[in-house]
Amino acid sequence: MRQYIWLTSLSVLTLISACTSTQNGNEAHVDSGGEDSMIKLLTTEDYNDIETRTATADTTYVINFWATWCKPCVEELPYFLDYAQKMRDTKTKMILVSLDFPHQADSKLKPYLEENAIQEEVWHMTNMDYNSWLDDVDPSWSGSIPCTLVKRDGKRLFAEKSYHSVQELAEFVKQIKS
């Protein structure tokens, strides 16, 4: 009996250890969305993956935090996509960070990206423990979305608001270059 309990405990510990090491890895998972899909969806649990991705000194990064279930996010997204299209030949890069629930990636997020032909880089942040990484984005962030972070040459500009035009977004981004 004692040996059975010991083996069961060892098996459970091994299983927990395997799950923990998989969950806490810093590798981003890339999902192209299928054979014919043009979406660029990367999945991560670690916000530092996004910080590392956006560390190029001579590039302006516009990082929008959004979700498919957030009506103001979905309403402003076309302005971000239009802005990205206009800035395609410049050193400005758009990154969309989805905060959709992990279990809805296949049923909500991927179909939304495909239906709207979103070709910008999309990161799916699957770490639902927001308090563990919100301050890394900006210490003033309450956690509400939509919000936008602009980064360039070590400078950061953050706004927790919705945008109602491409011009309004462009004016915000321009502030980091001043």
N, C-alpha and C. Protein backbone atom coordinates (compact mmCIF):
# COMPACT_ATOMS: atom_id res chain seq x y z
N MET A 1 0.82 -1.19 0.00
CA MET A 1 0.00 0.00 0.00
C MET A 1 0.87 1.26 0.00
N ARG A 2 1.89 1.25 0.85
CA ARG A 2 2.78 2.40 0.96
C ARG A 2 3.49 2.66 -0.38
N GLN A 3 3.89 1.61 -1.07
CA GLN A 3 4.57 1.74 -2.36
C GLN A 3 3.61 2.32 -3.40
N TYR A 4 2.34 1.92 -3.38
CA TYR A 4 1.33 2.43 -4.31
C TYR A 4 1.14 3.93 -4.12
N ILE A 5 1.04 4.38 -2.88
CA ILE A 5 0.87 5.82 -2.59
C ILE A 5 2.10 6.58 -3.04
N TRP A 6 3.27 6.04 -2.77
CA TRP A 6 4.51 6.70 -3.19
C TRP A 6 4.58 6.82 -4.70
N LEU A 7 4.27 5.78 -5.46
CA LEU A 7 4.30 5.81 -6.93
C LEU A 7 3.24 6.77 -7.48
N THR A 8 2.07 6.79 -6.88
CA THR A 8 1.02 7.72 -7.30
C THR A 8 1.47 9.16 -7.07
N SER A 9 2.05 9.43 -5.92
CA SER A 9 2.55 10.78 -5.63
C SER A 9 3.63 11.19 -6.60
N LEU A 10 4.55 10.28 -6.90
CA LEU A 10 5.61 10.56 -7.85
C LEU A 10 5.05 10.85 -9.23
N SER A 11 4.05 10.09 -9.65
CA SER A 11 3.42 10.31 -10.96
C SER A 11 2.75 11.68 -11.03
N VAL A 12 2.05 12.04 -9.98
CA VAL A 12 1.38 13.35 -9.94
C VAL A 12 2.40 14.47 -9.98
N LEU A 13 3.48 14.36 -9.22
CA LEU A 13 4.51 15.39 -9.22
C LEU A 13 5.17 15.52 -10.59
N THR A 14 5.41 14.41 -11.24
CA THR A 14 6.00 14.43 -12.58
C THR A 14 5.06 15.12 -13.56
N LEU A 15 3.78 14.82 -13.48
CA LEU A 15 2.78 15.44 -14.36
C LEU A 15 2.71 16.94 -14.11
N ILE A 16 2.67 17.36 -12.86
CA ILE A 16 2.62 18.79 -12.53
C ILE A 16 3.88 19.48 -13.05
N SER A 17 5.02 18.87 -12.86
CA SER A 17 6.27 19.46 -13.32
C SER A 17 6.27 19.63 -14.83
N ALA A 18 5.79 18.65 -15.56
CA ALA A 18 5.75 18.73 -17.02
C ALA A 18 4.82 19.83 -17.47
N CYS A 19 3.66 19.94 -16.84
CA CYS A 19 2.70 20.99 -17.22
C CYS A 19 3.26 22.37 -16.91
N THR A 20 3.89 22.51 -15.75
CA THR A 20 4.44 23.80 -15.37
C THR A 20 5.53 24.24 -16.32
N SER A 21 6.42 23.35 -16.69
CA SER A 21 7.51 23.76 -17.57
C SER A 21 6.99 24.13 -18.95
N THR A 22 5.92 23.51 -19.41
CA THR A 22 5.34 23.85 -20.71
C THR A 22 4.65 25.21 -20.63
N GLN A 23 3.91 25.46 -19.56
CA GLN A 23 3.17 26.70 -19.44
C GLN A 23 4.07 27.91 -19.25
N ASN A 24 5.16 27.76 -18.55
CA ASN A 24 5.98 28.91 -18.22
C ASN A 24 7.11 29.15 -19.20
N GLY A 25 7.13 28.42 -20.30
CA GLY A 25 8.17 28.63 -21.30
C GLY A 25 8.01 29.99 -21.95
N ASN A 26 9.08 30.59 -22.42
CA ASN A 26 9.03 31.91 -23.02
C ASN A 26 8.93 31.86 -24.54
N GLU A 27 8.64 30.69 -25.09
CA GLU A 27 8.55 30.60 -26.53
C GLU A 27 7.17 31.03 -26.99
N ALA A 28 7.13 31.83 -28.03
CA ALA A 28 5.86 32.21 -28.63
C ALA A 28 5.49 31.16 -29.66
N HIS A 29 4.23 30.80 -29.67
CA HIS A 29 3.72 29.83 -30.63
C HIS A 29 3.15 30.58 -31.82
N VAL A 30 3.54 30.19 -33.03
CA VAL A 30 3.05 30.85 -34.24
C VAL A 30 1.98 29.98 -34.88
N ASP A 31 0.85 30.59 -35.19
CA ASP A 31 -0.24 29.90 -35.86
C ASP A 31 -0.58 30.69 -37.11
N SER A 32 -0.35 30.09 -38.25
CA SER A 32 -0.61 30.80 -39.51
C SER A 32 -2.07 30.77 -39.87
N GLY A 33 -2.91 30.06 -39.12
CA GLY A 33 -4.33 30.07 -39.36
C GLY A 33 -4.80 29.04 -40.37
N GLY A 34 -3.94 28.22 -40.92
CA GLY A 34 -4.34 27.23 -41.89
C GLY A 34 -3.63 27.42 -43.22
N GLU A 35 -3.85 26.48 -44.13
CA GLU A 35 -3.13 26.49 -45.40
C GLU A 35 -3.32 27.76 -46.22
N ASP A 36 -4.56 28.21 -46.37
CA ASP A 36 -4.86 29.35 -47.24
C ASP A 36 -4.91 30.67 -46.48
N SER A 37 -4.66 30.65 -45.20
CA SER A 37 -4.80 31.84 -44.37
C SER A 37 -3.59 32.76 -44.48
N MET A 38 -3.85 34.05 -44.39
CA MET A 38 -2.78 35.05 -44.41
C MET A 38 -2.54 35.63 -43.01
N ILE A 39 -3.28 35.17 -41.99
CA ILE A 39 -3.14 35.77 -40.67
C ILE A 39 -1.81 35.37 -40.05
N LYS A 40 -1.28 36.31 -39.25
CA LYS A 40 -0.04 36.09 -38.50
C LYS A 40 -0.42 36.15 -37.03
N LEU A 41 -0.65 35.00 -36.42
CA LEU A 41 -1.07 34.94 -35.04
C LEU A 41 0.01 34.27 -34.22
N LEU A 42 0.54 34.99 -33.24
CA LEU A 42 1.53 34.45 -32.33
C LEU A 42 0.89 34.38 -30.95
N THR A 43 1.18 33.33 -30.22
CA THR A 43 0.58 33.13 -28.91
C THR A 43 1.68 33.14 -27.86
N THR A 44 1.42 33.87 -26.77
CA THR A 44 2.40 33.90 -25.69
C THR A 44 1.70 34.08 -24.35
N GLU A 45 2.35 33.61 -23.30
CA GLU A 45 1.90 33.85 -21.94
C GLU A 45 2.77 34.91 -21.27
N ASP A 46 3.82 35.33 -21.94
CA ASP A 46 4.82 36.20 -21.33
C ASP A 46 4.90 37.52 -22.09
N TYR A 47 4.47 38.60 -21.47
CA TYR A 47 4.49 39.91 -22.13
C TYR A 47 5.90 40.29 -22.58
N ASN A 48 6.92 39.77 -21.92
CA ASN A 48 8.29 40.10 -22.31
C ASN A 48 8.62 39.66 -23.74
N ASP A 49 7.89 38.65 -24.25
CA ASP A 49 8.07 38.26 -25.66
C ASP A 49 7.73 39.43 -26.58
N ILE A 50 6.69 40.16 -26.23
CA ILE A 50 6.26 41.30 -27.04
C ILE A 50 7.25 42.45 -26.87
N GLU A 51 7.71 42.67 -25.66
CA GLU A 51 8.72 43.72 -25.42
C GLU A 51 9.99 43.43 -26.23
N THR A 52 10.41 42.18 -26.24
CA THR A 52 11.60 41.81 -27.01
C THR A 52 11.37 42.03 -28.50
N ARG A 53 10.20 41.65 -28.97
CA ARG A 53 9.86 41.79 -30.39
C ARG A 53 9.85 43.25 -30.83
N THR A 54 9.55 44.15 -29.91
CA THR A 54 9.41 45.57 -30.25
C THR A 54 10.58 46.40 -29.73
N ALA A 55 11.76 45.83 -29.72
CA ALA A 55 12.93 46.52 -29.16
C ALA A 55 13.82 47.16 -30.21
N THR A 56 13.46 47.09 -31.49
CA THR A 56 14.28 47.69 -32.54
C THR A 56 14.31 49.20 -32.37
N ALA A 57 15.51 49.77 -32.32
CA ALA A 57 15.69 51.18 -31.98
C ALA A 57 15.13 52.15 -33.02
N ASP A 58 15.25 51.85 -34.28
CA ASP A 58 14.87 52.83 -35.29
C ASP A 58 13.44 52.65 -35.82
N THR A 59 12.62 51.89 -35.10
CA THR A 59 11.26 51.62 -35.53
C THR A 59 10.27 52.12 -34.49
N THR A 60 9.17 52.70 -34.97
CA THR A 60 8.07 53.08 -34.09
C THR A 60 7.09 51.92 -34.06
N TYR A 61 6.77 51.45 -32.87
CA TYR A 61 5.81 50.36 -32.71
C TYR A 61 4.52 50.91 -32.12
N VAL A 62 3.41 50.63 -32.78
CA VAL A 62 2.08 50.98 -32.29
C VAL A 62 1.46 49.67 -31.85
N ILE A 63 1.27 49.53 -30.55
CA ILE A 63 0.80 48.27 -29.97
C ILE A 63 -0.59 48.51 -29.39
N ASN A 64 -1.58 47.87 -29.99
CA ASN A 64 -2.96 48.04 -29.56
C ASN A 64 -3.42 46.79 -28.81
N PHE A 65 -3.95 46.98 -27.62
CA PHE A 65 -4.50 45.90 -26.80
C PHE A 65 -6.01 45.90 -26.99
N TRP A 66 -6.56 44.77 -27.38
CA TRP A 66 -7.97 44.69 -27.77
C TRP A 66 -8.48 43.26 -27.56
N ALA A 67 -9.77 43.05 -27.84
CA ALA A 67 -10.37 41.71 -27.82
C ALA A 67 -11.60 41.73 -28.71
N THR A 68 -11.95 40.57 -29.24
CA THR A 68 -13.12 40.49 -30.13
C THR A 68 -14.42 40.75 -29.38
N TRP A 69 -14.45 40.52 -28.07
CA TRP A 69 -15.65 40.73 -27.28
C TRP A 69 -15.80 42.18 -26.81
N CYS A 70 -14.83 43.03 -27.11
CA CYS A 70 -14.82 44.43 -26.67
C CYS A 70 -15.33 45.32 -27.81
N LYS A 71 -16.56 45.83 -27.68
CA LYS A 71 -17.17 46.62 -28.76
C LYS A 71 -16.34 47.85 -29.14
N PRO A 72 -15.86 48.66 -28.18
CA PRO A 72 -15.03 49.82 -28.58
C PRO A 72 -13.74 49.39 -29.30
N CYS A 73 -13.20 48.24 -28.92
CA CYS A 73 -11.98 47.74 -29.57
C CYS A 73 -12.26 47.42 -31.03
N VAL A 74 -13.33 46.69 -31.27
CA VAL A 74 -13.69 46.28 -32.61
C VAL A 74 -14.05 47.50 -33.47
N GLU A 75 -14.68 48.50 -32.86
CA GLU A 75 -15.05 49.72 -33.59
C GLU A 75 -13.83 50.53 -34.02
N GLU A 76 -12.78 50.55 -33.20
CA GLU A 76 -11.61 51.35 -33.55
C GLU A 76 -10.59 50.59 -34.40
N LEU A 77 -10.69 49.29 -34.46
CA LEU A 77 -9.70 48.48 -35.17
C LEU A 77 -9.51 48.89 -36.63
N PRO A 78 -10.55 49.23 -37.38
CA PRO A 78 -10.33 49.68 -38.76
C PRO A 78 -9.41 50.90 -38.87
N TYR A 79 -9.42 51.78 -37.89
CA TYR A 79 -8.53 52.95 -37.90
C TYR A 79 -7.07 52.51 -37.74
N PHE A 80 -6.85 51.52 -36.90
CA PHE A 80 -5.50 50.99 -36.72
C PHE A 80 -5.01 50.30 -37.99
N LEU A 81 -5.89 49.55 -38.63
CA LEU A 81 -5.52 48.85 -39.86
C LEU A 81 -5.26 49.84 -40.99
N ASP A 82 -6.09 50.88 -41.09
CA ASP A 82 -5.86 51.92 -42.11
C ASP A 82 -4.53 52.64 -41.86
N TYR A 83 -4.27 52.96 -40.60
CA TYR A 83 -3.02 53.63 -40.24
C TYR A 83 -1.83 52.74 -40.60
N ALA A 84 -1.92 51.46 -40.29
CA ALA A 84 -0.83 50.53 -40.61
C ALA A 84 -0.60 50.48 -42.12
N GLN A 85 -1.67 50.49 -42.88
CA GLN A 85 -1.54 50.46 -44.34
C GLN A 85 -0.85 51.72 -44.85
N LYS A 86 -1.22 52.86 -44.31
CA LYS A 86 -0.61 54.13 -44.73
C LYS A 86 0.86 54.22 -44.35
N MET A 87 1.24 53.55 -43.28
CA MET A 87 2.60 53.63 -42.77
C MET A 87 3.48 52.46 -43.22
N ARG A 88 2.97 51.64 -44.11
CA ARG A 88 3.67 50.43 -44.53
C ARG A 88 5.09 50.65 -45.04
N ASP A 89 5.33 51.76 -45.72
CA ASP A 89 6.65 52.03 -46.29
C ASP A 89 7.54 52.86 -45.36
N THR A 90 7.16 52.96 -44.11
CA THR A 90 7.95 53.71 -43.13
C THR A 90 8.47 52.74 -42.07
N LYS A 91 9.19 53.28 -41.12
CA LYS A 91 9.71 52.47 -40.00
C LYS A 91 8.68 52.46 -38.85
N THR A 92 7.41 52.24 -39.21
CA THR A 92 6.34 52.14 -38.23
C THR A 92 5.71 50.76 -38.37
N LYS A 93 5.55 50.07 -37.25
CA LYS A 93 5.02 48.71 -37.27
C LYS A 93 3.84 48.61 -36.32
N MET A 94 2.75 48.04 -36.80
CA MET A 94 1.55 47.83 -35.99
C MET A 94 1.57 46.42 -35.41
N ILE A 95 1.29 46.33 -34.12
CA ILE A 95 1.15 45.03 -33.48
C ILE A 95 -0.15 45.06 -32.68
N LEU A 96 -1.00 44.07 -32.94
CA LEU A 96 -2.27 43.95 -32.24
C LEU A 96 -2.14 42.85 -31.20
N VAL A 97 -2.43 43.19 -29.94
CA VAL A 97 -2.34 42.20 -28.86
C VAL A 97 -3.75 41.87 -28.41
N SER A 98 -4.17 40.66 -28.75
CA SER A 98 -5.52 40.21 -28.40
C SER A 98 -5.53 39.69 -26.97
N LEU A 99 -6.54 40.14 -26.23
CA LEU A 99 -6.74 39.65 -24.87
C LEU A 99 -7.96 38.73 -24.81
N ASP A 100 -8.29 38.12 -25.95
CA ASP A 100 -9.38 37.15 -25.98
C ASP A 100 -9.04 35.99 -25.06
N PHE A 101 -10.08 35.37 -24.52
CA PHE A 101 -9.87 34.24 -23.63
C PHE A 101 -9.20 33.10 -24.39
N PRO A 102 -8.23 32.43 -23.77
CA PRO A 102 -7.50 31.37 -24.47
C PRO A 102 -8.40 30.29 -25.08
N HIS A 103 -9.47 29.93 -24.39
CA HIS A 103 -10.34 28.87 -24.91
C HIS A 103 -11.18 29.33 -26.10
N GLN A 104 -11.14 30.62 -26.43
CA GLN A 104 -11.91 31.13 -27.57
C GLN A 104 -11.03 31.48 -28.78
N ALA A 105 -9.78 31.09 -28.74
CA ALA A 105 -8.87 31.40 -29.86
C ALA A 105 -9.39 30.81 -31.17
N ASP A 106 -9.78 29.56 -31.15
CA ASP A 106 -10.24 28.91 -32.38
C ASP A 106 -11.67 29.31 -32.76
N SER A 107 -12.51 29.54 -31.77
CA SER A 107 -13.92 29.82 -32.07
C SER A 107 -14.22 31.30 -32.32
N LYS A 108 -13.42 32.21 -31.78
CA LYS A 108 -13.69 33.65 -31.94
C LYS A 108 -12.56 34.42 -32.61
N LEU A 109 -11.35 34.31 -32.06
CA LEU A 109 -10.24 35.14 -32.53
C LEU A 109 -9.82 34.82 -33.96
N LYS A 110 -9.48 33.57 -34.23
CA LYS A 110 -9.01 33.21 -35.57
C LYS A 110 -10.06 33.50 -36.64
N PRO A 111 -11.34 33.12 -36.42
CA PRO A 111 -12.35 33.47 -37.43
C PRO A 111 -12.48 34.98 -37.65
N TYR A 112 -12.38 35.76 -36.56
CA TYR A 112 -12.47 37.22 -36.70
C TYR A 112 -11.32 37.75 -37.56
N LEU A 113 -10.12 37.28 -37.30
CA LEU A 113 -8.96 37.72 -38.06
C LEU A 113 -9.09 37.35 -39.53
N GLU A 114 -9.57 36.15 -39.79
CA GLU A 114 -9.73 35.71 -41.18
C GLU A 114 -10.87 36.46 -41.89
N GLU A 115 -12.02 36.60 -41.22
CA GLU A 115 -13.17 37.29 -41.83
C GLU A 115 -12.85 38.73 -42.16
N ASN A 116 -11.99 39.35 -41.38
CA ASN A 116 -11.65 40.76 -41.59
C ASN A 116 -10.32 40.93 -42.32
N ALA A 117 -9.77 39.82 -42.79
CA ALA A 117 -8.52 39.82 -43.57
C ALA A 117 -7.42 40.64 -42.89
N ILE A 118 -7.27 40.44 -41.60
CA ILE A 118 -6.27 41.18 -40.83
C ILE A 118 -4.91 40.57 -41.09
N GLN A 119 -4.03 41.35 -41.71
CA GLN A 119 -2.71 40.86 -42.07
C GLN A 119 -1.62 41.41 -41.15
N GLU A 120 -1.99 42.26 -40.24
CA GLU A 120 -1.00 42.78 -39.29
C GLU A 120 -0.61 41.67 -38.32
N GLU A 121 0.52 41.86 -37.66
CA GLU A 121 0.97 40.88 -36.68
C GLU A 121 0.06 40.93 -35.46
N VAL A 122 -0.48 39.78 -35.08
CA VAL A 122 -1.38 39.69 -33.94
C VAL A 122 -0.76 38.74 -32.92
N TRP A 123 -0.67 39.22 -31.69
CA TRP A 123 -0.22 38.38 -30.58
C TRP A 123 -1.44 38.07 -29.73
N HIS A 124 -1.59 36.80 -29.36
CA HIS A 124 -2.66 36.41 -28.45
C HIS A 124 -2.03 36.21 -27.08
N MET A 125 -2.32 37.14 -26.17
CA MET A 125 -1.79 37.07 -24.81
C MET A 125 -2.69 36.13 -24.01
N THR A 126 -2.15 34.97 -23.65
CA THR A 126 -2.96 33.96 -22.97
C THR A 126 -2.79 33.98 -21.45
N ASN A 127 -1.96 34.88 -20.93
CA ASN A 127 -1.77 34.99 -19.49
C ASN A 127 -2.92 35.82 -18.92
N MET A 128 -3.87 35.15 -18.30
CA MET A 128 -5.05 35.83 -17.75
C MET A 128 -4.78 36.45 -16.38
N ASP A 129 -3.59 36.28 -15.85
CA ASP A 129 -3.21 36.92 -14.59
C ASP A 129 -2.69 38.31 -14.92
N TYR A 130 -3.61 39.19 -15.31
CA TYR A 130 -3.25 40.52 -15.80
C TYR A 130 -2.36 41.30 -14.84
N ASN A 131 -2.62 41.17 -13.56
CA ASN A 131 -1.84 41.93 -12.58
C ASN A 131 -0.36 41.56 -12.61
N SER A 132 -0.02 40.43 -13.18
CA SER A 132 1.38 40.03 -13.23
C SER A 132 2.15 40.74 -14.34
N TRP A 133 1.44 41.37 -15.31
CA TRP A 133 2.15 42.02 -16.43
C TRP A 133 1.63 43.39 -16.83
N LEU A 134 0.52 43.85 -16.29
CA LEU A 134 -0.01 45.17 -16.67
C LEU A 134 1.00 46.29 -16.45
N ASP A 135 1.67 46.29 -15.33
CA ASP A 135 2.65 47.34 -15.04
C ASP A 135 3.81 47.33 -16.02
N ASP A 136 4.10 46.18 -16.62
CA ASP A 136 5.17 46.10 -17.62
C ASP A 136 4.79 46.88 -18.88
N VAL A 137 3.50 46.95 -19.16
CA VAL A 137 3.03 47.74 -20.30
C VAL A 137 3.10 49.21 -19.90
N ASP A 138 2.42 49.55 -18.82
CA ASP A 138 2.46 50.91 -18.29
C ASP A 138 1.91 50.90 -16.87
N PRO A 139 2.61 51.51 -15.92
CA PRO A 139 2.15 51.50 -14.52
C PRO A 139 0.79 52.16 -14.31
N SER A 140 0.39 53.03 -15.24
CA SER A 140 -0.90 53.71 -15.08
C SER A 140 -2.08 52.91 -15.66
N TRP A 141 -1.81 51.79 -16.31
CA TRP A 141 -2.87 51.04 -16.95
C TRP A 141 -3.76 50.36 -15.92
N SER A 142 -5.06 50.67 -15.97
CA SER A 142 -6.03 50.08 -15.05
C SER A 142 -6.42 48.66 -15.47
N GLY A 143 -6.14 48.33 -16.73
CA GLY A 143 -6.49 47.02 -17.25
C GLY A 143 -7.64 47.06 -18.24
N SER A 144 -8.26 48.24 -18.40
CA SER A 144 -9.36 48.32 -19.35
C SER A 144 -8.83 48.42 -20.78
N ILE A 145 -9.64 47.95 -21.72
CA ILE A 145 -9.29 48.02 -23.14
C ILE A 145 -10.43 48.70 -23.86
N PRO A 146 -10.15 49.32 -25.00
CA PRO A 146 -8.89 49.32 -25.71
C PRO A 146 -7.87 50.27 -25.08
N CYS A 147 -6.62 49.98 -25.36
CA CYS A 147 -5.54 50.88 -24.99
C CYS A 147 -4.40 50.70 -25.97
N THR A 148 -3.53 51.70 -26.02
CA THR A 148 -2.47 51.70 -27.02
C THR A 148 -1.15 52.14 -26.39
N LEU A 149 -0.10 51.42 -26.75
CA LEU A 149 1.25 51.75 -26.34
C LEU A 149 2.05 52.03 -27.61
N VAL A 150 2.76 53.16 -27.63
CA VAL A 150 3.64 53.49 -28.74
C VAL A 150 5.06 53.50 -28.18
N LYS A 151 5.98 52.84 -28.89
CA LYS A 151 7.37 52.74 -28.45
C LYS A 151 8.29 53.18 -29.58
N ARG A 152 9.33 53.93 -29.21
CA ARG A 152 10.37 54.29 -30.18
C ARG A 152 11.61 54.75 -29.42
N ASP A 153 12.75 54.18 -29.77
CA ASP A 153 14.04 54.59 -29.20
C ASP A 153 14.02 54.71 -27.68
N GLY A 154 13.42 53.74 -27.03
CA GLY A 154 13.39 53.73 -25.57
C GLY A 154 12.31 54.59 -24.95
N LYS A 155 11.60 55.38 -25.76
CA LYS A 155 10.50 56.21 -25.25
C LYS A 155 9.20 55.43 -25.35
N ARG A 156 8.29 55.70 -24.43
CA ARG A 156 6.99 55.04 -24.41
C ARG A 156 5.89 56.08 -24.22
N LEU A 157 4.80 55.86 -24.93
CA LEU A 157 3.63 56.73 -24.85
C LEU A 157 2.42 55.81 -24.73
N PHE A 158 1.61 56.01 -23.70
CA PHE A 158 0.50 55.11 -23.41
C PHE A 158 -0.81 55.87 -23.32
N ALA A 159 -1.88 55.29 -23.86
CA ALA A 159 -3.21 55.89 -23.74
C ALA A 159 -4.25 54.79 -23.56
N GLU A 160 -5.07 54.98 -22.57
CA GLU A 160 -6.15 54.05 -22.26
C GLU A 160 -7.45 54.69 -22.76
N LYS A 161 -7.69 54.57 -24.08
CA LYS A 161 -8.84 55.24 -24.70
C LYS A 161 -9.14 54.61 -26.05
N SER A 162 -10.27 54.99 -26.61
CA SER A 162 -10.65 54.58 -27.96
C SER A 162 -10.30 55.69 -28.93
N TYR A 163 -10.02 55.31 -30.16
CA TYR A 163 -9.77 56.29 -31.23
C TYR A 163 -10.95 56.27 -32.18
N HIS A 164 -11.27 57.46 -32.70
CA HIS A 164 -12.46 57.61 -33.54
C HIS A 164 -12.12 58.00 -34.97
N SER A 165 -10.83 58.04 -35.29
CA SER A 165 -10.41 58.33 -36.67
C SER A 165 -8.93 57.97 -36.83
N VAL A 166 -8.53 57.79 -38.07
CA VAL A 166 -7.12 57.54 -38.37
C VAL A 166 -6.31 58.77 -37.99
N GLN A 167 -6.86 59.95 -38.23
CA GLN A 167 -6.15 61.20 -37.92
C GLN A 167 -5.89 61.32 -36.42
N GLU A 168 -6.87 60.97 -35.59
CA GLU A 168 -6.70 61.03 -34.14
C GLU A 168 -5.58 60.08 -33.70
N LEU A 169 -5.55 58.89 -34.27
CA LEU A 169 -4.50 57.93 -33.95
C LEU A 169 -3.14 58.44 -34.42
N ALA A 170 -3.09 58.98 -35.63
CA ALA A 170 -1.82 59.50 -36.18
C ALA A 170 -1.27 60.63 -35.32
N GLU A 171 -2.15 61.49 -34.83
CA GLU A 171 -1.70 62.59 -33.96
C GLU A 171 -1.12 62.06 -32.66
N PHE A 172 -1.71 61.01 -32.13
CA PHE A 172 -1.20 60.40 -30.90
C PHE A 172 0.20 59.81 -31.15
N VAL A 173 0.34 59.05 -32.23
CA VAL A 173 1.61 58.41 -32.54
C VAL A 173 2.69 59.46 -32.80
N LYS A 174 2.31 60.55 -33.43
CA LYS A 174 3.28 61.60 -33.77
C LYS A 174 3.92 62.20 -32.51
N GLN A 175 3.23 62.15 -31.38
CA GLN A 175 3.76 62.71 -30.13
C GLN A 175 5.08 62.05 -29.71
N ILE A 176 5.27 60.80 -30.05
CA ILE A 176 6.49 60.11 -29.63
C ILE A 176 7.69 60.59 -30.42
N LYS A 177 7.46 61.17 -31.57
CA LYS A 177 8.56 61.64 -32.40
C LYS A 177 8.94 63.08 -32.09
N SER A 178 8.14 63.72 -31.25
CA SER A 178 8.41 65.13 -30.90
C SER A 178 9.46 65.24 -29.82
